[in-house]
Amino acid sequence: MPALWVYRGSDGALPIYDGVTRATRVAKLVPGILKPVEVVGDLQPACGYLPTVGDFLP
């Protein structure tokens, strides 16, 4: 499975750019497993206020 593409926000948060569906499936089917990510760039604004994958799981 390819790595998730993420950006690094100015506050250190890592919003997912490509691979949200894969991240959600991994979090739902095998919780606790770590998934490799590839940081593809930096964002100037803070991104910590955005929802996380865990916020949408039952």
C-alpha atoms as a PDB file:
ATOM      1  CA  MET A   1       0.000   0.000   0.000  1.00  0.00           C
ATOM      2  CA  PRO A   2       1.526   3.366  -0.949  1.00  0.00           C
ATOM      3  CA  ALA A   3       2.345   5.965   1.673  1.00  0.00           C
ATOM      4  CA  LEU A   4      -0.119   8.740   2.470  1.00  0.00           C
ATOM      5  CA  TRP A   5       0.764  12.223   1.183  1.00  0.00           C
ATOM      6  CA  VAL A   6       0.558  14.874   3.866  1.00  0.00           C
ATOM      7  CA  TYR A   7       1.529  18.519   4.267  1.00  0.00           C
ATOM      8  CA  ARG A   8       3.057  19.946   7.448  1.00  0.00           C
ATOM      9  CA  GLY A   9       1.141  22.874   8.904  1.00  0.00           C
ATOM     10  CA  SER A  10       2.881  25.707  10.749  1.00  0.00           C
ATOM     11  CA  ASP A  11       1.688  24.167  14.041  1.00  0.00           C
ATOM     12  CA  GLY A  12       3.112  20.724  13.206  1.00  0.00           C
ATOM     13  CA  ALA A  13      -0.232  19.139  12.261  1.00  0.00           C
ATOM     14  CA  LEU A  14      -0.182  16.802   9.244  1.00  0.00           C
ATOM     15  CA  PRO A  15      -3.328  17.150   7.113  1.00  0.00           C
ATOM     16  CA  ILE A  16      -3.740  14.315   4.596  1.00  0.00           C
ATOM     17  CA  TYR A  17      -3.637  15.431   0.977  1.00  0.00           C
ATOM     18  CA  ASP A  18      -3.868  12.062  -0.782  1.00  0.00           C
ATOM     19  CA  GLY A  19      -4.970   8.828   0.854  1.00  0.00           C
ATOM     20  CA  VAL A  20      -7.857   9.792   3.121  1.00  0.00           C
ATOM     21  CA  THR A  21      -9.843   6.701   2.145  1.00  0.00           C
ATOM     22  CA  ARG A  22      -6.862   4.408   2.810  1.00  0.00           C
ATOM     23  CA  ALA A  23      -6.205   6.087   6.159  1.00  0.00           C
ATOM     24  CA  THR A  24      -9.836   5.674   7.193  1.00  0.00           C
ATOM     25  CA  ARG A  25      -9.888   2.011   6.200  1.00  0.00           C
ATOM     26  CA  VAL A  26      -6.655   1.250   8.030  1.00  0.00           C
ATOM     27  CA  ALA A  27      -7.891   3.055  11.150  1.00  0.00           C
ATOM     28  CA  LYS A  28     -11.196   1.181  11.045  1.00  0.00           C
ATOM     29  CA  LEU A  29      -9.987  -2.331  10.176  1.00  0.00           C
ATOM     30  CA  VAL A  30      -6.681  -2.508  12.061  1.00  0.00           C
ATOM     31  CA  PRO A  31      -6.695   0.159  14.787  1.00  0.00           C
ATOM     32  CA  GLY A  32      -3.366   0.967  16.379  1.00  0.00           C
ATOM     33  CA  ILE A  33      -1.272   0.134  13.307  1.00  0.00           C
ATOM     34  CA  LEU A  34       1.041   2.873  12.034  1.00  0.00           C
ATOM     35  CA  LYS A  35       0.862   3.895   8.380  1.00  0.00           C
ATOM     36  CA  PRO A  36       3.861   5.507   6.650  1.00  0.00           C
ATOM     37  CA  VAL A  37       3.394   9.035   5.336  1.00  0.00           C
ATOM     38  CA  GLU A  38       5.343  11.174   2.911  1.00  0.00           C
ATOM     39  CA  VAL A  39       5.530  14.888   3.722  1.00  0.00           C
ATOM     40  CA  VAL A  40       5.238  16.639   0.350  1.00  0.00           C
ATOM     41  CA  GLY A  41       5.391  20.249   1.509  1.00  0.00           C
ATOM     42  CA  ASP A  42       4.791  22.879   4.141  1.00  0.00           C
ATOM     43  CA  LEU A  43       1.691  25.001   4.687  1.00  0.00           C
ATOM     44  CA  GLN A  44       1.823  28.492   6.119  1.00  0.00           C
ATOM     45  CA  PRO A  45      -1.456  28.409   8.113  1.00  0.00           C
ATOM     46  CA  ALA A  46      -2.011  26.305  11.228  1.00  0.00           C
ATOM     47  CA  CYS A  47      -3.976  23.098  10.540  1.00  0.00           C
ATOM     48  CA  GLY A  48      -4.546  21.702  14.041  1.00  0.00           C
ATOM     49  CA  TYR A  49      -8.198  22.788  14.089  1.00  0.00           C
ATOM     50  CA  LEU A  50      -9.114  20.520  11.144  1.00  0.00           C
ATOM     51  CA  PRO A  51     -10.936  17.232  11.887  1.00  0.00           C
ATOM     52  CA  THR A  52      -8.932  14.023  12.163  1.00  0.00           C
ATOM     53  CA  VAL A  53      -9.674  10.578  10.756  1.00  0.00           C
ATOM     54  CA  GLY A  54     -10.494   9.385  14.290  1.00  0.00           C
ATOM     55  CA  ASP A  55     -13.229  11.986  14.628  1.00  0.00           C
ATOM     56  CA  PHE A  56     -15.330  10.180  12.026  1.00  0.00           C
ATOM     57  CA  LEU A  57     -14.940   6.583  13.201  1.00  0.00           C
ATOM     58  CA  PRO A  58     -17.601   4.971  15.372  1.00  0.00           C
END
